[in-house]
Amino acid sequence: MVEAATTSLQKESIYIPVTATDTLHLKRFSQNQQGPPVLLVHGSIENGHIFYSKSDKGFAPYMAHQGYDVFVADLRGRGKSKPAISGKSDFGLTHTLEEDFPAFINKIKELKGDVHQFWGAHSWGGVLMLAYLARPVVPVKVQAMAFFASKRRISIWSPKKFFMIDVMWNWVARAAVATTGALPAKKLKMGSDNETRLTHRQTNDWVVRKNWLHWHDQFDYAAALQQMEVPPTLYITGVKDDVLGNPVDVEKLLLETGSEHAAFRVLGKANGHLHDYDHINILTHQDAVRDHFPMVVRWFKEAGQVQPHTTPAGHYNANT
């Protein structure tokens, strides 16, 4: 249903059955439902609320006010997707790529037609978007993309990285998974949402491995991306994002795709921005709307002048 909102912003919760027991949530923001669609995907131990607040602040409402028709995904079990993740949840990233992404894409096509889409992501969501484009299940026309603090590997070392990744993400999280059957990230104050056992393991595999390979059939995602025309992509991260979106690792993801149509920006006072941003406030800071959010709009508008990328339908169903 459509909710009444101030400043003529329309909001709608769309529920998409994806299995006999699982339903995905897609939050829609718009002032103009004829505008170009934008799909936004959150990262690990998160949900779609990274893109919007209860008071309609954030990147999704901002883009809706710029004339875009914005769709914010809650990946399976996160946010308002049902049921919530528990120790009995048996899905992972394979299901995200083979089932969740196609369901979101098909729903947007149903509502909008097979038109050009713009994609945006925070953190691990950018990795998932690139992986999907390398090996799509259903075709999608992607005009351009913008990633906030997206990296695949963590190559840097620091005491903070040791605590956050080696201690919390590896040792503590693995112990919690072994005990409860899932990663209780909210209870551990690691993130805004929980993760399944399989998602944690498959994510960790990609973070630590130098080669970006499928967990079962060894499909090489980086090689596939390097052989195709990746949509123009803007990579943004904060100068104070020193672990989860470290500029060194964000740039390495850009280089791993081999894209010739990409830009990389580090947001900090030394580079002319209002603040030195970190992993979260790059999307949630109140000044983002007048600092770097307009940069994304300009990127999308400039990319709108070129021929969009279309992924052909792929067919795969690797065992989980």
Protein backbone atom coordinates (compact mmCIF):
# COMPACT_ATOMS: atom_id res chain seq x y z
CA MET A 1 0.00 0.00 0.00
CA VAL A 2 1.05 3.61 -0.59
CA GLU A 3 1.70 5.65 2.55
CA ALA A 4 0.87 9.34 2.87
CA ALA A 5 4.02 11.40 3.28
CA THR A 6 5.09 15.00 3.49
CA THR A 7 6.69 16.82 0.55
CA SER A 8 4.65 14.59 -1.80
CA LEU A 9 7.00 11.65 -1.34
CA GLN A 10 5.23 8.35 -1.92
CA LYS A 11 6.37 5.21 -0.11
CA GLU A 12 5.29 1.66 -0.78
CA SER A 13 6.25 -1.72 0.66
CA ILE A 14 6.25 -4.43 -1.99
CA TYR A 15 6.41 -8.08 -0.93
CA ILE A 16 7.72 -10.68 -3.37
CA PRO A 17 7.35 -14.43 -2.72
CA VAL A 18 10.65 -16.07 -3.64
CA THR A 19 10.13 -19.58 -2.22
CA ALA A 20 7.25 -21.41 -0.59
CA THR A 21 8.33 -19.99 2.75
CA ASP A 22 10.36 -16.85 2.01
CA THR A 23 9.13 -13.39 1.00
CA LEU A 24 11.36 -10.50 -0.04
CA HIS A 25 10.68 -6.86 0.82
CA LEU A 26 11.22 -4.04 -1.67
CA LYS A 27 10.69 -0.48 -0.42
CA ARG A 28 9.68 2.02 -3.09
CA PHE A 29 10.22 5.78 -2.86
CA SER A 30 9.01 8.14 -5.54
CA GLN A 31 7.67 11.54 -6.37
CA ASN A 32 7.41 10.55 -10.00
CA GLN A 33 6.68 6.90 -10.69
CA GLN A 34 7.45 7.53 -14.34
CA GLY A 35 11.06 8.31 -13.43
CA PRO A 36 14.00 6.00 -14.16
CA PRO A 37 14.23 3.07 -11.72
CA VAL A 38 17.04 2.87 -9.19
CA LEU A 39 17.71 -0.43 -7.39
CA LEU A 40 19.62 -0.16 -4.10
CA VAL A 41 21.16 -3.13 -2.30
CA HIS A 42 22.63 -3.13 1.21
CA GLY A 43 25.71 -4.93 2.46
CA SER A 44 26.49 -7.68 4.96
CA ILE A 45 24.94 -7.59 8.47
CA GLU A 46 22.70 -4.77 7.20
CA ASN A 47 19.31 -4.18 5.65
CA GLY A 48 17.75 -1.59 3.40
CA HIS A 49 17.45 1.00 6.19
CA ILE A 50 21.03 2.08 5.47
CA PHE A 51 19.44 4.02 2.57
CA TYR A 52 16.56 5.68 4.45
CA SER A 53 15.42 6.72 7.92
CA LYS A 54 12.01 6.70 9.57
CA SER A 55 11.81 10.45 8.92
CA ASP A 56 12.44 9.99 5.17
CA LYS A 57 16.04 11.13 5.22
CA GLY A 58 18.83 9.37 3.38
CA PHE A 59 19.95 8.40 -0.09
CA ALA A 60 16.74 6.71 -1.26
CA PRO A 61 14.40 9.64 -0.46
CA TYR A 62 17.01 12.03 -1.85
CA MET A 63 17.10 10.20 -5.19
CA ALA A 64 13.29 10.10 -5.27
CA HIS A 65 13.25 13.89 -4.86
CA GLN A 66 15.58 14.09 -7.88
CA GLY A 67 12.95 12.38 -10.03
CA TYR A 68 14.03 8.75 -9.79
CA ASP A 69 11.75 5.84 -8.94
CA VAL A 70 13.75 4.18 -6.14
CA PHE A 71 13.54 0.55 -5.01
CA VAL A 72 15.40 -0.48 -1.85
CA ALA A 73 15.93 -4.21 -1.40
CA ASP A 74 15.89 -6.13 1.85
CA LEU A 75 17.78 -9.31 1.02
CA ARG A 76 16.28 -12.56 2.23
CA GLY A 77 15.70 -12.67 5.97
CA ARG A 78 16.81 -9.07 6.51
CA GLY A 79 14.79 -5.97 7.26
CA LYS A 80 11.12 -6.58 6.48
CA SER A 81 11.76 -9.68 4.39
CA LYS A 82 10.10 -12.69 6.01
CA PRO A 83 10.83 -14.78 7.95
CA ALA A 84 13.76 -13.22 9.81
CA ILE A 85 17.05 -15.11 9.86
CA SER A 86 17.32 -17.82 12.50
CA GLY A 87 19.52 -20.79 13.23
CA LYS A 88 17.31 -22.81 10.89
CA SER A 89 17.92 -20.53 7.87
CA ASP A 90 19.81 -22.51 5.23
CA PHE A 91 20.29 -19.99 2.41
CA GLY A 92 23.43 -18.16 1.35
CA LEU A 93 24.90 -15.95 -1.35
CA THR A 94 24.15 -18.56 -4.01
CA HIS A 95 20.46 -17.99 -3.30
CA THR A 96 20.97 -14.22 -3.29
CA LEU A 97 22.43 -14.34 -6.80
CA GLU A 98 20.26 -17.09 -8.29
CA GLU A 99 16.89 -16.25 -6.71
CA ASP A 100 16.74 -12.94 -4.84
CA PHE A 101 18.30 -10.71 -7.49
CA PRO A 102 16.14 -12.17 -10.30
CA ALA A 103 13.03 -11.68 -8.14
CA PHE A 104 13.84 -8.00 -7.52
CA ILE A 105 14.73 -7.40 -11.17
CA ASN A 106 11.57 -9.10 -12.44
CA LYS A 107 9.38 -7.12 -10.05
CA ILE A 108 10.87 -3.83 -11.24
CA LYS A 109 10.34 -4.94 -14.84
CA GLU A 110 6.74 -5.82 -14.00
CA LEU A 111 6.14 -2.35 -12.58
CA LYS A 112 8.27 -0.31 -14.98
CA GLY A 113 8.70 -2.39 -18.11
CA ASP A 114 12.05 -3.55 -19.45
CA VAL A 115 13.62 -0.11 -19.14
CA HIS A 116 17.13 0.99 -18.25
CA GLN A 117 17.90 0.71 -14.54
CA PHE A 118 20.40 2.50 -12.35
CA TRP A 119 22.01 0.47 -9.58
CA GLY A 120 23.46 1.56 -6.25
CA ALA A 121 24.90 -0.32 -3.31
CA HIS A 122 26.57 -0.01 0.04
CA SER A 123 29.59 -2.13 0.97
CA TRP A 124 29.10 -5.83 0.13
CA GLY A 125 26.03 -5.01 -1.95
CA GLY A 126 28.33 -3.70 -4.68
CA VAL A 127 30.18 -7.02 -4.80
CA LEU A 128 26.88 -8.86 -5.17
CA MET A 129 25.77 -6.54 -7.99
CA LEU A 130 29.02 -7.10 -9.89
CA ALA A 131 28.81 -10.84 -9.35
CA TYR A 132 25.27 -10.86 -10.70
CA LEU A 133 26.24 -8.90 -13.81
CA ALA A 134 29.10 -11.30 -14.44
CA ARG A 135 26.68 -14.23 -14.39
CA PRO A 136 23.08 -13.07 -14.69
CA VAL A 137 20.08 -15.34 -14.35
CA VAL A 138 17.64 -12.95 -16.05
CA PRO A 139 18.77 -10.13 -18.34
CA VAL A 140 18.74 -6.57 -17.11
CA LYS A 141 19.62 -3.22 -18.68
CA VAL A 142 21.92 -1.33 -16.33
CA GLN A 143 22.69 2.23 -17.35
CA ALA A 144 25.16 3.07 -14.56
CA MET A 145 26.08 2.15 -11.00
CA ALA A 146 27.28 3.91 -7.83
CA PHE A 147 28.89 2.02 -4.97
CA PHE A 148 29.43 3.41 -1.48
CA ALA A 149 32.42 1.82 0.29
CA SER A 150 32.30 -1.42 -1.69
CA LYS A 151 35.27 -3.76 -1.52
CA ARG A 152 35.65 -7.50 -2.07
CA ARG A 153 38.88 -8.26 -0.19
CA ILE A 154 40.43 -6.72 2.90
CA SER A 155 44.13 -6.51 2.16
CA ILE A 156 45.14 -3.80 4.63
CA TRP A 157 46.34 -4.49 8.18
CA SER A 158 45.91 -2.39 11.30
CA PRO A 159 45.06 -3.01 14.95
CA LYS A 160 41.48 -1.96 14.18
CA LYS A 161 41.30 -4.42 11.27
CA PHE A 162 42.67 -7.16 13.55
CA PHE A 163 39.90 -6.56 16.09
CA MET A 164 37.01 -6.05 13.65
CA ILE A 165 37.86 -8.81 11.18
CA ASP A 166 40.20 -11.34 12.75
CA VAL A 167 38.67 -11.26 16.23
CA MET A 168 35.00 -10.31 15.74
CA TRP A 169 34.16 -11.43 12.16
CA ASN A 170 36.25 -14.59 12.25
CA TRP A 171 36.71 -15.93 15.79
CA VAL A 172 33.71 -14.52 17.65
CA ALA A 173 31.32 -14.84 14.71
CA ARG A 174 32.34 -18.43 13.99
CA ALA A 175 31.87 -19.37 17.62
CA ALA A 176 28.42 -17.74 17.60
CA VAL A 177 27.46 -19.52 14.39
CA ALA A 178 28.59 -22.85 15.80
CA THR A 179 26.49 -22.22 18.91
CA THR A 180 23.30 -20.71 17.47
CA GLY A 181 23.33 -21.81 13.81
CA ALA A 182 23.44 -18.21 12.54
CA LEU A 183 25.42 -15.00 13.08
CA PRO A 184 23.55 -12.87 15.68
CA ALA A 185 25.19 -9.66 14.47
CA LYS A 186 22.58 -7.41 16.11
CA LYS A 187 23.07 -9.00 19.53
CA LEU A 188 26.85 -8.83 19.14
CA LYS A 189 26.53 -5.16 18.07
CA MET A 190 28.36 -5.95 14.85
CA GLY A 191 25.68 -4.68 12.49
CA SER A 192 22.03 -3.86 11.89
CA ASP A 193 20.90 -7.35 10.89
CA ASN A 194 21.84 -11.00 11.24
CA GLU A 195 23.36 -13.40 8.72
CA THR A 196 22.96 -17.08 8.01
CA ARG A 197 25.68 -19.64 8.56
CA LEU A 198 26.10 -20.17 4.81
CA THR A 199 26.12 -16.45 3.99
CA HIS A 200 28.84 -15.84 6.58
CA ARG A 201 30.97 -18.68 5.22
CA GLN A 202 30.54 -17.75 1.55
CA THR A 203 31.20 -14.06 2.25
CA ASN A 204 34.33 -14.93 4.19
CA ASP A 205 35.56 -17.11 1.30
CA TRP A 206 35.42 -14.15 -1.09
CA VAL A 207 36.97 -11.74 1.42
CA VAL A 208 40.06 -13.84 2.05
CA ARG A 209 40.70 -15.41 -1.36
CA LYS A 210 42.79 -13.57 -3.91
CA ASN A 211 40.89 -15.08 -6.85
CA TRP A 212 37.18 -14.28 -7.11
CA LEU A 213 35.76 -17.73 -7.80
CA HIS A 214 32.38 -19.42 -7.39
CA TRP A 215 32.32 -21.64 -4.33
CA HIS A 216 31.51 -24.84 -6.26
CA ASP A 217 32.16 -24.68 -10.00
CA GLN A 218 35.08 -22.19 -9.81
CA PHE A 219 33.49 -19.70 -12.20
CA ASP A 220 35.86 -16.71 -12.34
CA TYR A 221 33.86 -13.53 -11.72
CA ALA A 222 36.76 -11.15 -12.24
CA ALA A 223 37.68 -12.76 -15.56
CA ALA A 224 34.07 -12.55 -16.73
CA LEU A 225 33.80 -8.87 -15.78
CA GLN A 226 37.08 -8.09 -17.53
CA GLN A 227 35.74 -9.63 -20.74
CA MET A 228 32.51 -7.63 -20.77
CA GLU A 229 31.52 -3.98 -20.79
CA VAL A 230 30.75 -3.16 -17.17
CA PRO A 231 28.26 -0.28 -16.80
CA PRO A 232 29.86 3.06 -15.87
CA THR A 233 30.51 2.78 -12.14
CA LEU A 234 31.26 5.42 -9.53
CA TYR A 235 33.18 4.11 -6.51
CA ILE A 236 32.93 6.35 -3.43
CA THR A 237 34.42 5.80 0.00
CA GLY A 238 35.33 7.87 3.04
CA VAL A 239 38.79 8.86 4.16
CA LYS A 240 37.94 7.60 7.67
CA ASP A 241 36.64 4.25 6.40
CA ASP A 242 39.82 2.54 7.46
CA VAL A 243 38.72 -1.13 7.47
CA LEU A 244 35.43 -2.12 5.84
CA GLY A 245 35.70 0.31 2.93
CA ASN A 246 39.35 1.23 3.03
CA PRO A 247 40.21 3.30 -0.06
CA VAL A 248 43.00 0.86 -0.96
CA ASP A 249 40.59 -2.08 -1.11
CA VAL A 250 37.79 -0.13 -2.81
CA GLU A 251 40.15 0.84 -5.60
CA LYS A 252 41.30 -2.78 -5.88
CA LEU A 253 37.71 -3.84 -6.56
CA LEU A 254 37.48 -1.23 -9.31
CA LEU A 255 40.69 -2.53 -10.87
CA GLU A 256 39.55 -6.14 -10.53
CA THR A 257 36.61 -5.47 -12.85
CA GLY A 258 38.86 -4.10 -15.59
CA SER A 259 36.27 -1.39 -16.25
CA GLU A 260 37.28 1.48 -18.52
CA HIS A 261 34.24 3.51 -17.48
CA ALA A 262 34.73 4.00 -13.76
CA ALA A 263 35.64 6.75 -11.31
CA PHE A 264 37.02 6.61 -7.79
CA ARG A 265 36.47 9.28 -5.13
CA VAL A 266 37.65 9.45 -1.53
CA LEU A 267 35.44 11.73 0.56
CA GLY A 268 37.30 13.90 3.02
CA LYS A 269 38.02 17.51 3.90
CA ALA A 270 41.39 17.36 2.15
CA ASN A 271 39.56 16.56 -1.08
CA GLY A 272 37.08 19.42 -0.75
CA HIS A 273 34.26 17.70 1.10
CA LEU A 274 32.46 18.89 4.21
CA HIS A 275 33.53 16.00 6.44
CA ASP A 276 35.87 13.05 6.74
CA TYR A 277 33.33 10.27 6.18
CA ASP A 278 33.38 6.71 7.52
CA HIS A 279 31.70 3.43 6.52
CA ILE A 280 28.23 4.32 7.78
CA ASN A 281 27.89 8.10 7.78
CA ILE A 282 28.86 8.18 4.10
CA LEU A 283 25.14 7.40 3.68
CA THR A 284 23.60 8.68 6.90
CA HIS A 285 25.26 12.06 7.52
CA GLN A 286 22.80 14.94 7.27
CA ASP A 287 25.21 16.87 5.02
CA ALA A 288 25.51 14.09 2.45
CA VAL A 289 22.57 15.55 0.52
CA ARG A 290 24.56 18.70 -0.26
CA ASP A 291 28.01 17.17 -0.31
CA HIS A 292 28.36 13.94 -2.31
CA PHE A 293 24.84 12.70 -3.11
CA PRO A 294 24.66 15.25 -5.97
CA MET A 295 27.82 13.63 -7.37
CA VAL A 296 25.85 10.41 -7.89
CA VAL A 297 23.04 12.25 -9.66
CA ARG A 298 25.56 13.87 -12.00
CA TRP A 299 27.16 10.48 -12.66
CA PHE A 300 23.80 8.91 -13.51
CA LYS A 301 22.80 11.81 -15.77
CA GLU A 302 26.10 11.73 -17.66
CA ALA A 303 25.84 7.95 -18.04
CA GLY A 304 22.33 8.42 -19.37
CA GLN A 305 23.84 9.88 -22.53
CA VAL A 306 25.53 6.59 -23.49
CA GLN A 307 24.22 3.21 -24.57
CA PRO A 308 23.30 1.11 -21.52
CA HIS A 309 24.81 -2.26 -20.71
CA THR A 310 22.52 -5.28 -21.12
CA THR A 311 23.27 -8.59 -19.47
CA PRO A 312 22.18 -11.64 -21.49
CA ALA A 313 20.26 -14.29 -19.62
CA GLY A 314 22.52 -16.86 -18.05
CA HIS A 315 21.61 -20.32 -16.83
CA TYR A 316 23.22 -21.82 -13.80
CA ASN A 317 22.14 -23.37 -10.55
CA ALA A 318 25.12 -24.35 -8.49
CA ASN A 319 24.52 -26.53 -5.48
CA THR A 320 24.77 -24.72 -2.15
